[in-house]
Amino acid sequence: MSDWVGVALFIVVGIVFGAGGLITSFLIHPRSKNNFKQETYECGLPTEGPTWVRFKTQYFTYALLFVIFDVEVIYLYPWAVSFEHLGLAGLIKMFLFIFILILGLWYAWKEGALEWR
């Protein structure tokens, strides 16, 4: 039963931090309401034409691919630092990891996710 105390404590702390942030935000948020606050932009020039414009999903696709390969670099650096201590097993695991990422990139390329339309 003592193994679950850490899990319960983690859940309680998470709930307290989440609820605490929401309660604090509710208590200290500005309460002034006027027409200026209801506009789309609070600063700058008023918009001309439709305010809500659809963005291409390619922006988000490129951003997600960047995050994926950025995370790859995060995993590659510690592996490169401790390469001598890992031996052949570490080398095989890293090649497998890189192969899976290249397979994902190939799939995205094949599906046309990298084409700008």
PDB file of N, CA and C in Angstrom:
ATOM      1  N   MET A   1       0.819  -1.200   0.000  1.00  0.00           N
ATOM      2  CA  MET A   1       0.000   0.000   0.000  1.00  0.00           C
ATOM      3  C   MET A   1       0.865   1.268   0.000  1.00  0.00           C
ATOM      4  N   SER A   2       2.064   1.168   0.550  1.00  0.00           N
ATOM      5  CA  SER A   2       2.912   2.352   0.619  1.00  0.00           C
ATOM      6  C   SER A   2       3.400   2.775  -0.765  1.00  0.00           C
ATOM      7  N   ASP A   3       3.374   1.878  -1.750  1.00  0.00           N
ATOM      8  CA  ASP A   3       3.765   2.251  -3.109  1.00  0.00           C
ATOM      9  C   ASP A   3       2.785   3.235  -3.726  1.00  0.00           C
ATOM     10  N   TRP A   4       1.531   3.163  -3.341  1.00  0.00           N
ATOM     11  CA  TRP A   4       0.503   4.015  -3.925  1.00  0.00           C
ATOM     12  C   TRP A   4       0.434   5.383  -3.258  1.00  0.00           C
ATOM     13  N   VAL A   5       1.136   5.565  -2.139  1.00  0.00           N
ATOM     14  CA  VAL A   5       1.131   6.858  -1.463  1.00  0.00           C
ATOM     15  C   VAL A   5       1.773   7.923  -2.360  1.00  0.00           C
ATOM     16  N   GLY A   6       2.866   7.584  -3.034  1.00  0.00           N
ATOM     17  CA  GLY A   6       3.512   8.528  -3.943  1.00  0.00           C
ATOM     18  C   GLY A   6       2.615   8.909  -5.108  1.00  0.00           C
ATOM     19  N   VAL A   7       1.890   7.919  -5.645  1.00  0.00           N
ATOM     20  CA  VAL A   7       0.970   8.195  -6.762  1.00  0.00           C
ATOM     21  C   VAL A   7      -0.162   9.097  -6.287  1.00  0.00           C
ATOM     22  N   ALA A   8      -0.732   8.801  -5.114  1.00  0.00           N
ATOM     23  CA  ALA A   8      -1.817   9.621  -4.580  1.00  0.00           C
ATOM     24  C   ALA A   8      -1.327  11.038  -4.293  1.00  0.00           C
ATOM     25  N   LEU A   9      -0.127  11.168  -3.750  1.00  0.00           N
ATOM     26  CA  LEU A   9       0.435  12.486  -3.467  1.00  0.00           C
ATOM     27  C   LEU A   9       0.644  13.266  -4.763  1.00  0.00           C
ATOM     28  N   PHE A  10       1.123  12.595  -5.799  1.00  0.00           N
ATOM     29  CA  PHE A  10       1.317  13.240  -7.098  1.00  0.00           C
ATOM     30  C   PHE A  10      -0.008  13.745  -7.655  1.00  0.00           C
ATOM     31  N   ILE A  11      -1.052  12.955  -7.555  1.00  0.00           N
ATOM     32  CA  ILE A  11      -2.375  13.348  -8.057  1.00  0.00           C
ATOM     33  C   ILE A  11      -2.920  14.523  -7.253  1.00  0.00           C
ATOM     34  N   VAL A  12      -2.786  14.479  -5.945  1.00  0.00           N
ATOM     35  CA  VAL A  12      -3.287  15.561  -5.097  1.00  0.00           C
ATOM     36  C   VAL A  12      -2.545  16.864  -5.388  1.00  0.00           C
ATOM     37  N   VAL A  13      -1.227  16.794  -5.512  1.00  0.00           N
ATOM     38  CA  VAL A  13      -0.452  18.002  -5.813  1.00  0.00           C
ATOM     39  C   VAL A  13      -0.840  18.545  -7.182  1.00  0.00           C
ATOM     40  N   GLY A  14      -1.060  17.686  -8.168  1.00  0.00           N
ATOM     41  CA  GLY A  14      -1.496  18.135  -9.486  1.00  0.00           C
ATOM     42  C   GLY A  14      -2.838  18.830  -9.445  1.00  0.00           C
ATOM     43  N   ILE A  15      -3.775  18.273  -8.692  1.00  0.00           N
ATOM     44  CA  ILE A  15      -5.102  18.884  -8.576  1.00  0.00           C
ATOM     45  C   ILE A  15      -5.012  20.222  -7.853  1.00  0.00           C
ATOM     46  N   VAL A  16      -4.204  20.281  -6.783  1.00  0.00           N
ATOM     47  CA  VAL A  16      -4.057  21.532  -6.037  1.00  0.00           C
ATOM     48  C   VAL A  16      -3.427  22.614  -6.919  1.00  0.00           C
ATOM     49  N   PHE A  17      -2.388  22.271  -7.676  1.00  0.00           N
ATOM     50  CA  PHE A  17      -1.766  23.263  -8.551  1.00  0.00           C
ATOM     51  C   PHE A  17      -2.742  23.719  -9.634  1.00  0.00           C
ATOM     52  N   GLY A  18      -3.466  22.804 -10.228  1.00  0.00           N
ATOM     53  CA  GLY A  18      -4.429  23.187 -11.262  1.00  0.00           C
ATOM     54  C   GLY A  18      -5.543  24.059 -10.711  1.00  0.00           C
ATOM     55  N   ALA A  19      -6.150  23.630  -9.608  1.00  0.00           N
ATOM     56  CA  ALA A  19      -7.237  24.406  -9.007  1.00  0.00           C
ATOM     57  C   ALA A  19      -6.721  25.724  -8.460  1.00  0.00           C
ATOM     58  N   GLY A  20      -5.525  25.708  -7.891  1.00  0.00           N
ATOM     59  CA  GLY A  20      -4.952  26.945  -7.361  1.00  0.00           C
ATOM     60  C   GLY A  20      -4.733  27.979  -8.450  1.00  0.00           C
ATOM     61  N   GLY A  21      -4.251  27.546  -9.598  1.00  0.00           N
ATOM     62  CA  GLY A  21      -4.064  28.473 -10.712  1.00  0.00           C
ATOM     63  C   GLY A  21      -5.375  29.052 -11.204  1.00  0.00           C
ATOM     64  N   LEU A  22      -6.394  28.206 -11.318  1.00  0.00           N
ATOM     65  CA  LEU A  22      -7.701  28.688 -11.773  1.00  0.00           C
ATOM     66  C   LEU A  22      -8.330  29.655 -10.774  1.00  0.00           C
ATOM     67  N   ILE A  23      -8.241  29.334  -9.494  1.00  0.00           N
ATOM     68  CA  ILE A  23      -8.824  30.195  -8.461  1.00  0.00           C
ATOM     69  C   ILE A  23      -8.082  31.522  -8.400  1.00  0.00           C
ATOM     70  N   THR A  24      -6.749  31.478  -8.453  1.00  0.00           N
ATOM     71  CA  THR A  24      -5.963  32.714  -8.429  1.00  0.00           C
ATOM     72  C   THR A  24      -6.281  33.581  -9.646  1.00  0.00           C
ATOM     73  N   SER A  25      -6.397  32.980 -10.803  1.00  0.00           N
ATOM     74  CA  SER A  25      -6.731  33.729 -12.013  1.00  0.00           C
ATOM     75  C   SER A  25      -8.101  34.377 -11.888  1.00  0.00           C
ATOM     76  N   PHE A  26      -9.057  33.649 -11.320  1.00  0.00           N
ATOM     77  CA  PHE A  26     -10.399  34.202 -11.152  1.00  0.00           C
ATOM     78  C   PHE A  26     -10.388  35.371 -10.173  1.00  0.00           C
ATOM     79  N   LEU A  27      -9.583  35.279  -9.127  1.00  0.00           N
ATOM     80  CA  LEU A  27      -9.577  36.324  -8.108  1.00  0.00           C
ATOM     81  C   LEU A  27      -8.864  37.597  -8.561  1.00  0.00           C
ATOM     82  N   ILE A  28      -7.837  37.493  -9.389  1.00  0.00           N
ATOM     83  CA  ILE A  28      -7.055  38.686  -9.719  1.00  0.00           C
ATOM     84  C   ILE A  28      -7.263  39.191 -11.150  1.00  0.00           C
ATOM     85  N   HIS A  29      -8.157  38.594 -11.931  1.00  0.00           N
ATOM     86  CA  HIS A  29      -8.326  39.056 -13.308  1.00  0.00           C
ATOM     87  C   HIS A  29      -8.998  40.432 -13.348  1.00  0.00           C
ATOM     88  N   PRO A  30      -8.669  41.239 -14.373  1.00  0.00           N
ATOM     89  CA  PRO A  30      -9.296  42.561 -14.481  1.00  0.00           C
ATOM     90  C   PRO A  30     -10.777  42.416 -14.823  1.00  0.00           C
ATOM     91  N   ARG A  31     -11.583  43.253 -14.193  1.00  0.00           N
ATOM     92  CA  ARG A  31     -13.033  43.124 -14.367  1.00  0.00           C
ATOM     93  C   ARG A  31     -13.655  44.262 -15.172  1.00  0.00           C
ATOM     94  N   SER A  32     -12.860  45.106 -15.790  1.00  0.00           N
ATOM     95  CA  SER A  32     -13.428  46.208 -16.566  1.00  0.00           C
ATOM     96  C   SER A  32     -13.911  45.686 -17.917  1.00  0.00           C
ATOM     97  N   LYS A  33     -15.157  45.990 -18.230  1.00  0.00           N
ATOM     98  CA  LYS A  33     -15.727  45.581 -19.517  1.00  0.00           C
ATOM     99  C   LYS A  33     -16.169  46.835 -20.257  1.00  0.00           C
ATOM    100  N   ASN A  34     -15.716  46.951 -21.497  1.00  0.00           N
ATOM    101  CA  ASN A  34     -16.143  48.049 -22.349  1.00  0.00           C
ATOM    102  C   ASN A  34     -16.066  47.583 -23.798  1.00  0.00           C
ATOM    103  N   ASN A  35     -16.514  48.434 -24.707  1.00  0.00           N
ATOM    104  CA  ASN A  35     -16.529  48.048 -26.117  1.00  0.00           C
ATOM    105  C   ASN A  35     -15.130  47.841 -26.676  1.00  0.00           C
ATOM    106  N   PHE A  36     -14.163  48.600 -26.144  1.00  0.00           N
ATOM    107  CA  PHE A  36     -12.785  48.470 -26.608  1.00  0.00           C
ATOM    108  C   PHE A  36     -12.238  47.079 -26.292  1.00  0.00           C
ATOM    109  N   LYS A  37     -12.615  46.520 -25.150  1.00  0.00           N
ATOM    110  CA  LYS A  37     -12.146  45.182 -24.768  1.00  0.00           C
ATOM    111  C   LYS A  37     -12.815  44.084 -25.605  1.00  0.00           C
ATOM    112  N   GLN A  38     -13.957  44.364 -26.192  1.00  0.00           N
ATOM    113  CA  GLN A  38     -14.671  43.362 -26.973  1.00  0.00           C
ATOM    114  C   GLN A  38     -14.174  43.272 -28.414  1.00  0.00           C
ATOM    115  N   GLU A  39     -13.303  44.194 -28.829  1.00  0.00           N
ATOM    116  CA  GLU A  39     -12.782  44.160 -30.192  1.00  0.00           C
ATOM    117  C   GLU A  39     -11.822  42.992 -30.365  1.00  0.00           C
ATOM    118  N   THR A  40     -11.568  42.632 -31.629  1.00  0.00           N
ATOM    119  CA  THR A  40     -10.686  41.515 -31.916  1.00  0.00           C
ATOM    120  C   THR A  40      -9.269  41.787 -31.452  1.00  0.00           C
ATOM    121  N   TYR A  41      -8.775  42.985 -31.732  1.00  0.00           N
ATOM    122  CA  TYR A  41      -7.428  43.371 -31.330  1.00  0.00           C
ATOM    123  C   TYR A  41      -7.539  44.562 -30.390  1.00  0.00           C
ATOM    124  N   GLU A  42      -6.785  44.542 -29.306  1.00  0.00           N
ATOM    125  CA  GLU A  42      -6.823  45.646 -28.361  1.00  0.00           C
ATOM    126  C   GLU A  42      -5.848  46.749 -28.733  1.00  0.00           C
ATOM    127  N   CYS A  43      -4.960  46.508 -29.683  1.00  0.00           N
ATOM    128  CA  CYS A  43      -4.004  47.528 -30.066  1.00  0.00           C
ATOM    129  C   CYS A  43      -3.813  47.465 -31.579  1.00  0.00           C
ATOM    130  N   GLY A  44      -3.241  48.503 -32.122  1.00  0.00           N
ATOM    131  CA  GLY A  44      -3.011  48.533 -33.557  1.00  0.00           C
ATOM    132  C   GLY A  44      -4.196  49.112 -34.304  1.00  0.00           C
ATOM    133  N   LEU A  45      -4.120  48.994 -35.606  1.00  0.00           N
ATOM    134  CA  LEU A  45      -5.172  49.533 -36.463  1.00  0.00           C
ATOM    135  C   LEU A  45      -6.358  48.588 -36.513  1.00  0.00           C
ATOM    136  N   PRO A  46      -7.552  49.125 -36.701  1.00  0.00           N
ATOM    137  CA  PRO A  46      -8.716  48.248 -36.869  1.00  0.00           C
ATOM    138  C   PRO A  46      -8.559  47.389 -38.126  1.00  0.00           C
ATOM    139  N   THR A  47      -9.079  46.205 -38.093  1.00  0.00           N
ATOM    140  CA  THR A  47      -8.937  45.297 -39.226  1.00  0.00           C
ATOM    141  C   THR A  47      -9.839  45.716 -40.374  1.00  0.00           C
ATOM    142  N   GLU A  48      -9.397  45.401 -41.560  1.00  0.00           N
ATOM    143  CA  GLU A  48     -10.196  45.649 -42.754  1.00  0.00           C
ATOM    144  C   GLU A  48     -10.541  44.309 -43.369  1.00  0.00           C
ATOM    145  N   GLY A  49     -11.790  44.110 -43.692  1.00  0.00           N
ATOM    146  CA  GLY A  49     -12.212  42.839 -44.252  1.00  0.00           C
ATOM    147  C   GLY A  49     -12.560  41.854 -43.151  1.00  0.00           C
ATOM    148  N   PRO A  50     -12.689  40.584 -43.520  1.00  0.00           N
ATOM    149  CA  PRO A  50     -13.062  39.587 -42.510  1.00  0.00           C
ATOM    150  C   PRO A  50     -11.940  39.394 -41.488  1.00  0.00           C
ATOM    151  N   THR A  51     -12.321  39.358 -40.240  1.00  0.00           N
ATOM    152  CA  THR A  51     -11.339  39.219 -39.172  1.00  0.00           C
ATOM    153  C   THR A  51     -10.870  37.777 -39.034  1.00  0.00           C
ATOM    154  N   TRP A  52     -11.772  36.846 -39.178  1.00  0.00           N
ATOM    155  CA  TRP A  52     -11.426  35.429 -39.021  1.00  0.00           C
ATOM    156  C   TRP A  52     -10.988  34.870 -40.373  1.00  0.00           C
ATOM    157  N   VAL A  53      -9.729  34.528 -40.469  1.00  0.00           N
ATOM    158  CA  VAL A  53      -9.161  34.021 -41.708  1.00  0.00           C
ATOM    159  C   VAL A  53      -8.676  32.604 -41.457  1.00  0.00           C
ATOM    160  N   ARG A  54      -8.946  31.726 -42.401  1.00  0.00           N
ATOM    161  CA  ARG A  54      -8.473  30.345 -42.259  1.00  0.00           C
ATOM    162  C   ARG A  54      -6.999  30.266 -42.621  1.00  0.00           C
ATOM    163  N   PHE A  55      -6.247  29.576 -41.780  1.00  0.00           N
ATOM    164  CA  PHE A  55      -4.843  29.341 -42.050  1.00  0.00           C
ATOM    165  C   PHE A  55      -4.690  27.963 -42.664  1.00  0.00           C
ATOM    166  N   LYS A  56      -3.680  27.811 -43.486  1.00  0.00           N
ATOM    167  CA  LYS A  56      -3.420  26.501 -44.062  1.00  0.00           C
ATOM    168  C   LYS A  56      -2.927  25.550 -42.976  1.00  0.00           C
ATOM    169  N   THR A  57      -3.312  24.308 -43.078  1.00  0.00           N
ATOM    170  CA  THR A  57      -2.873  23.326 -42.078  1.00  0.00           C
ATOM    171  C   THR A  57      -1.401  22.976 -42.240  1.00  0.00           C
ATOM    172  N   GLN A  58      -0.799  23.357 -43.362  1.00  0.00           N
ATOM    173  CA  GLN A  58       0.625  23.070 -43.554  1.00  0.00           C
ATOM    174  C   GLN A  58       1.477  23.787 -42.515  1.00  0.00           C
ATOM    175  N   TYR A  59       1.048  24.959 -42.036  1.00  0.00           N
ATOM    176  CA  TYR A  59       1.795  25.652 -40.991  1.00  0.00           C
ATOM    177  C   TYR A  59       1.931  24.750 -39.771  1.00  0.00           C
ATOM    178  N   PHE A  60       0.831  24.139 -39.373  1.00  0.00           N
ATOM    179  CA  PHE A  60       0.824  23.294 -38.191  1.00  0.00           C
ATOM    180  C   PHE A  60       1.574  21.989 -38.443  1.00  0.00           C
ATOM    181  N   THR A  61       1.461  21.463 -39.657  1.00  0.00           N
ATOM    182  CA  THR A  61       2.183  20.233 -39.987  1.00  0.00           C
ATOM    183  C   THR A  61       3.688  20.454 -39.910  1.00  0.00           C
ATOM    184  N   TYR A  62       4.157  21.564 -40.477  1.00  0.00           N
ATOM    185  CA  TYR A  62       5.585  21.870 -40.402  1.00  0.00           C
ATOM    186  C   TYR A  62       6.014  22.071 -38.952  1.00  0.00           C
ATOM    187  N   ALA A  63       5.173  22.715 -38.166  1.00  0.00           N
ATOM    188  CA  ALA A  63       5.520  22.933 -36.757  1.00  0.00           C
ATOM    189  C   ALA A  63       5.622  21.609 -36.010  1.00  0.00           C
ATOM    190  N   LEU A  64       4.695  20.692 -36.260  1.00  0.00           N
ATOM    191  CA  LEU A  64       4.745  19.385 -35.595  1.00  0.00           C
ATOM    192  C   LEU A  64       5.962  18.581 -36.034  1.00  0.00           C
ATOM    193  N   LEU A  65       6.283  18.626 -37.315  1.00  0.00           N
ATOM    194  CA  LEU A  65       7.478  17.924 -37.778  1.00  0.00           C
ATOM    195  C   LEU A  65       8.741  18.525 -37.164  1.00  0.00           C
ATOM    196  N   PHE A  66       8.768  19.848 -37.021  1.00  0.00           N
ATOM    197  CA  PHE A  66       9.911  20.472 -36.364  1.00  0.00           C
ATOM    198  C   PHE A  66      10.037  20.000 -34.923  1.00  0.00           C
ATOM    199  N   VAL A  67       8.925  19.935 -34.213  1.00  0.00           N
ATOM    200  CA  VAL A  67       8.961  19.493 -32.811  1.00  0.00           C
ATOM    201  C   VAL A  67       9.439  18.049 -32.726  1.00  0.00           C
ATOM    202  N   ILE A  68       8.975  17.201 -33.629  1.00  0.00           N
ATOM    203  CA  ILE A  68       9.387  15.796 -33.609  1.00  0.00           C
ATOM    204  C   ILE A  68      10.896  15.685 -33.786  1.00  0.00           C
ATOM    205  N   PHE A  69      11.440  16.381 -34.762  1.00  0.00           N
ATOM    206  CA  PHE A  69      12.875  16.258 -34.999  1.00  0.00           C
ATOM    207  C   PHE A  69      13.701  17.053 -33.991  1.00  0.00           C
ATOM    208  N   ASP A  70      13.091  18.034 -33.347  1.00  0.00           N
ATOM    209  CA  ASP A  70      13.766  18.716 -32.261  1.00  0.00           C
ATOM    210  C   ASP A  70      13.888  17.787 -31.053  1.00  0.00           C
ATOM    211  N   VAL A  71      12.866  17.016 -30.792  1.00  0.00           N
ATOM    212  CA  VAL A  71      12.917  16.034 -29.709  1.00  0.00           C
ATOM    213  C   VAL A  71      13.956  14.966 -30.025  1.00  0.00           C
ATOM    214  N   GLU A  72      14.115  14.635 -31.292  1.00  0.00           N
ATOM    215  CA  GLU A  72      15.151  13.675 -31.674  1.00  0.00           C
ATOM    216  C   GLU A  72      16.525  14.178 -31.260  1.00  0.00           C
ATOM    217  N   VAL A  73      16.787  15.449 -31.470  1.00  0.00           N
ATOM    218  CA  VAL A  73      18.083  16.013 -31.085  1.00  0.00           C
ATOM    219  C   VAL A  73      18.260  15.952 -29.571  1.00  0.00           C
ATOM    220  N   ILE A  74      17.184  16.162 -28.837  1.00  0.00           N
ATOM    221  CA  ILE A  74      17.262  16.079 -27.374  1.00  0.00           C
ATOM    222  C   ILE A  74      17.681  14.683 -26.944  1.00  0.00           C
ATOM    223  N   TYR A  75      17.220  13.652 -27.632  1.00  0.00           N
ATOM    224  CA  TYR A  75      17.614  12.283 -27.289  1.00  0.00           C
ATOM    225  C   TYR A  75      18.992  11.911 -27.842  1.00  0.00           C
ATOM    226  N   LEU A  76      19.404  12.533 -28.932  1.00  0.00           N
ATOM    227  CA  LEU A  76      20.702  12.203 -29.518  1.00  0.00           C
ATOM    228  C   LEU A  76      21.871  12.744 -28.708  1.00  0.00           C
ATOM    229  N   TYR A  77      21.714  13.902 -28.080  1.00  0.00           N
ATOM    230  CA  TYR A  77      22.838  14.500 -27.368  1.00  0.00           C
ATOM    231  C   TYR A  77      23.313  13.649 -26.179  1.00  0.00           C
ATOM    232  N   PRO A  78      22.426  13.234 -25.268  1.00  0.00           N
ATOM    233  CA  PRO A  78      22.924  12.398 -24.161  1.00  0.00           C
ATOM    234  C   PRO A  78      23.487  11.062 -24.654  1.00  0.00           C
ATOM    235  N   TRP A  79      22.920  10.550 -25.730  1.00  0.00           N
ATOM    236  CA  TRP A  79      23.447   9.297 -26.281  1.00  0.00           C
ATOM    237  C   TRP A  79      24.869   9.512 -26.790  1.00  0.00           C
ATOM    238  N   ALA A  80      25.115  10.622 -27.466  1.00  0.00           N
ATOM    239  CA  ALA A  80      26.448  10.886 -27.990  1.00  0.00           C
ATOM    240  C   ALA A  80      27.458  11.117 -26.868  1.00  0.00           C
ATOM    241  N   VAL A  81      27.019  11.729 -25.772  1.00  0.00           N
ATOM    242  CA  VAL A  81      27.921  11.987 -24.654  1.00  0.00           C
ATOM    243  C   VAL A  81      28.337  10.682 -23.978  1.00  0.00           C
ATOM    244  N   SER A  82      27.408   9.759 -23.821  1.00  0.00           N
ATOM    245  CA  SER A  82      27.706   8.497 -23.128  1.00  0.00           C
ATOM    246  C   SER A  82      27.856   7.334 -24.104  1.00  0.00           C
ATOM    247  N   PHE A  83      28.262   7.616 -25.321  1.00  0.00           N
ATOM    248  CA  PHE A  83      28.360   6.589 -26.357  1.00  0.00           C
ATOM    249  C   PHE A  83      29.323   5.467 -25.981  1.00  0.00           C
ATOM    250  N   GLU A  84      30.469   5.791 -25.388  1.00  0.00           N
ATOM    251  CA  GLU A  84      31.470   4.772 -25.066  1.00  0.00           C
ATOM    252  C   GLU A  84      30.973   3.788 -24.010  1.00  0.00           C
ATOM    253  N   HIS A  85      30.117   4.233 -23.111  1.00  0.00           N
ATOM    254  CA  HIS A  85      29.641   3.368 -22.029  1.00  0.00           C
ATOM    255  C   HIS A  85      28.464   2.486 -22.452  1.00  0.00           C
ATOM    256  N   LEU A  86      27.784   2.842 -23.513  1.00  0.00           N
ATOM    257  CA  LEU A  86      26.597   2.089 -23.925  1.00  0.00           C
ATOM    258  C   LEU A  86      26.937   0.840 -24.720  1.00  0.00           C
ATOM    259  N   GLY A  87      27.986   0.871 -25.466  1.00  0.00           N
ATOM    260  CA  GLY A  87      28.402  -0.301 -26.227  1.00  0.00           C
ATOM    261  C   GLY A  87      27.552  -0.533 -27.458  1.00  0.00           C
ATOM    262  N   LEU A  88      27.588  -1.770 -27.925  1.00  0.00           N
ATOM    263  CA  LEU A  88      26.887  -2.137 -29.154  1.00  0.00           C
ATOM    264  C   LEU A  88      25.372  -2.070 -28.985  1.00  0.00           C
ATOM    265  N   ALA A  89      24.870  -2.409 -27.796  1.00  0.00           N
ATOM    266  CA  ALA A  89      23.419  -2.367 -27.565  1.00  0.00           C
ATOM    267  C   ALA A  89      22.887  -0.939 -27.704  1.00  0.00           C
ATOM    268  N   GLY A  90      23.626   0.040 -27.182  1.00  0.00           N
ATOM    269  CA  GLY A  90      23.208   1.432 -27.310  1.00  0.00           C
ATOM    270  C   GLY A  90      23.227   1.904 -28.747  1.00  0.00           C
ATOM    271  N   LEU A  91      24.229   1.436 -29.499  1.00  0.00           N
ATOM    272  CA  LEU A  91      24.318   1.804 -30.914  1.00  0.00           C
ATOM    273  C   LEU A  91      23.135   1.243 -31.699  1.00  0.00           C
ATOM    274  N   ILE A  92      22.789  -0.014 -31.445  1.00  0.00           N
ATOM    275  CA  ILE A  92      21.658  -0.646 -32.139  1.00  0.00           C
ATOM    276  C   ILE A  92      20.349   0.056 -31.782  1.00  0.00           C
ATOM    277  N   LYS A  93      20.165   0.385 -30.510  1.00  0.00           N
ATOM    278  CA  LYS A  93      18.933   1.072 -30.098  1.00  0.00           C
ATOM    279  C   LYS A  93      18.812   2.448 -30.744  1.00  0.00           C
ATOM    280  N   MET A  94      19.924   3.161 -30.854  1.00  0.00           N
ATOM    281  CA  MET A  94      19.867   4.488 -31.465  1.00  0.00           C
ATOM    282  C   MET A  94      19.598   4.384 -32.962  1.00  0.00           C
ATOM    283  N   PHE A  95      20.192   3.384 -33.637  1.00  0.00           N
ATOM    284  CA  PHE A  95      19.884   3.191 -35.053  1.00  0.00           C
ATOM    285  C   PHE A  95      18.412   2.837 -35.248  1.00  0.00           C
ATOM    286  N   LEU A  96      17.850   2.062 -34.352  1.00  0.00           N
ATOM    287  CA  LEU A  96      16.428   1.729 -34.416  1.00  0.00           C
ATOM    288  C   LEU A  96      15.578   2.987 -34.219  1.00  0.00           C
ATOM    289  N   PHE A  97      15.968   3.824 -33.255  1.00  0.00           N
ATOM    290  CA  PHE A  97      15.253   5.073 -33.000  1.00  0.00           C
ATOM    291  C   PHE A  97      15.290   5.984 -34.227  1.00  0.00           C
ATOM    292  N   ILE A  98      16.455   6.154 -34.810  1.00  0.00           N
ATOM    293  CA  ILE A  98      16.591   7.008 -35.993  1.00  0.00           C
ATOM    294  C   ILE A  98      15.837   6.403 -37.178  1.00  0.00           C
ATOM    295  N   PHE A  99      15.847   5.078 -37.310  1.00  0.00           N
ATOM    296  CA  PHE A  99      15.107   4.423 -38.387  1.00  0.00           C
ATOM    297  C   PHE A  99      13.613   4.691 -38.268  1.00  0.00           C
ATOM    298  N   ILE A 100      13.079   4.639 -37.057  1.00  0.00           N
ATOM    299  CA  ILE A 100      11.645   4.911 -36.858  1.00  0.00           C
ATOM    300  C   ILE A 100      11.325   6.356 -37.235  1.00  0.00           C
ATOM    301  N   LEU A 101      12.202   7.292 -36.878  1.00  0.00           N
ATOM    302  CA  LEU A 101      11.972   8.686 -37.255  1.00  0.00           C
ATOM    303  C   LEU A 101      12.053   8.890 -38.758  1.00  0.00           C
ATOM    304  N   ILE A 102      13.013   8.244 -39.405  1.00  0.00           N
ATOM    305  CA  ILE A 102      13.122   8.354 -40.860  1.00  0.00           C
ATOM    306  C   ILE A 102      11.911   7.717 -41.532  1.00  0.00           C
ATOM    307  N   LEU A 103      11.417   6.638 -40.980  1.00  0.00           N
ATOM    308  CA  LEU A 103      10.208   6.002 -41.503  1.00  0.00           C
ATOM    309  C   LEU A 103       9.011   6.955 -41.399  1.00  0.00           C
ATOM    310  N   GLY A 104       8.896   7.681 -40.277  1.00  0.00           N
ATOM    311  CA  GLY A 104       7.826   8.668 -40.130  1.00  0.00           C
ATOM    312  C   GLY A 104       7.961   9.810 -41.111  1.00  0.00           C
ATOM    313  N   LEU A 105       9.199  10.271 -41.333  1.00  0.00           N
ATOM    314  CA  LEU A 105       9.429  11.336 -42.313  1.00  0.00           C
ATOM    315  C   LEU A 105       9.086  10.859 -43.723  1.00  0.00           C
ATOM    316  N   TRP A 106       9.453   9.644 -44.050  1.00  0.00           N
ATOM    317  CA  TRP A 106       9.129   9.084 -45.360  1.00  0.00           C
ATOM    318  C   TRP A 106       7.615   9.007 -45.547  1.00  0.00           C
ATOM    319  N   TYR A 107       6.897   8.583 -44.502  1.00  0.00           N
ATOM    320  CA  TYR A 107       5.439   8.486 -44.587  1.00  0.00           C
ATOM    321  C   TYR A 107       4.819   9.873 -44.795  1.00  0.00           C
ATOM    322  N   ALA A 108       5.309  10.881 -44.051  1.00  0.00           N
ATOM    323  CA  ALA A 108       4.783  12.236 -44.214  1.00  0.00           C
ATOM    324  C   ALA A 108       5.067  12.749 -45.622  1.00  0.00           C
ATOM    325  N   TRP A 109       6.224  12.434 -46.144  1.00  0.00           N
ATOM    326  CA  TRP A 109       6.591  12.857 -47.492  1.00  0.00           C
ATOM    327  C   TRP A 109       5.710  12.163 -48.530  1.00  0.00           C
ATOM    328  N   LYS A 110       5.483  10.858 -48.324  1.00  0.00           N
ATOM    329  CA  LYS A 110       4.672  10.069 -49.259  1.00  0.00           C
ATOM    330  C   LYS A 110       3.215  10.562 -49.276  1.00  0.00           C
ATOM    331  N   GLU A 111       2.704  10.963 -48.121  1.00  0.00           N
ATOM    332  CA  GLU A 111       1.314  11.423 -48.036  1.00  0.00           C
ATOM    333  C   GLU A 111       1.140  12.861 -48.512  1.00  0.00           C
ATOM    334  N   GLY A 112       2.249  13.544 -48.822  1.00  0.00           N
ATOM    335  CA  GLY A 112       2.161  14.909 -49.318  1.00  0.00           C
ATOM    336  C   GLY A 112       2.077  15.957 -48.226  1.00  0.00           C
ATOM    337  N   ALA A 113       2.433  15.595 -47.003  1.00  0.00           N
ATOM    338  CA  ALA A 113       2.347  16.558 -45.898  1.00  0.00           C
ATOM    339  C   ALA A 113       3.385  17.647 -46.023  1.00  0.00           C
ATOM    340  N   LEU A 114       4.443  17.419 -46.788  1.00  0.00           N
ATOM    341  CA  LEU A 114       5.511  18.409 -46.920  1.00  0.00           C
ATOM    342  C   LEU A 114       5.368  19.267 -48.169  1.00  0.00           C
ATOM    343  N   GLU A 115       4.340  19.030 -48.953  1.00  0.00           N
ATOM    344  CA  GLU A 115       4.102  19.820 -50.158  1.00  0.00           C
ATOM    345  C   GLU A 115       3.317  21.079 -49.800  1.00  0.00           C
ATOM    346  N   TRP A 116       3.778  22.188 -50.317  1.00  0.00           N
ATOM    347  CA  TRP A 116       3.099  23.458 -50.056  1.00  0.00           C
ATOM    348  C   TRP A 116       2.066  23.698 -51.138  1.00  0.00           C
ATOM    349  N   ARG A 117       0.783  23.635 -50.759  1.00  0.00           N
ATOM    350  CA  ARG A 117      -0.297  23.811 -51.724  1.00  0.00           C
ATOM    351  C   ARG A 117      -1.024  25.087 -51.507  1.00  0.00           C
TER     352      ARG A 117
END
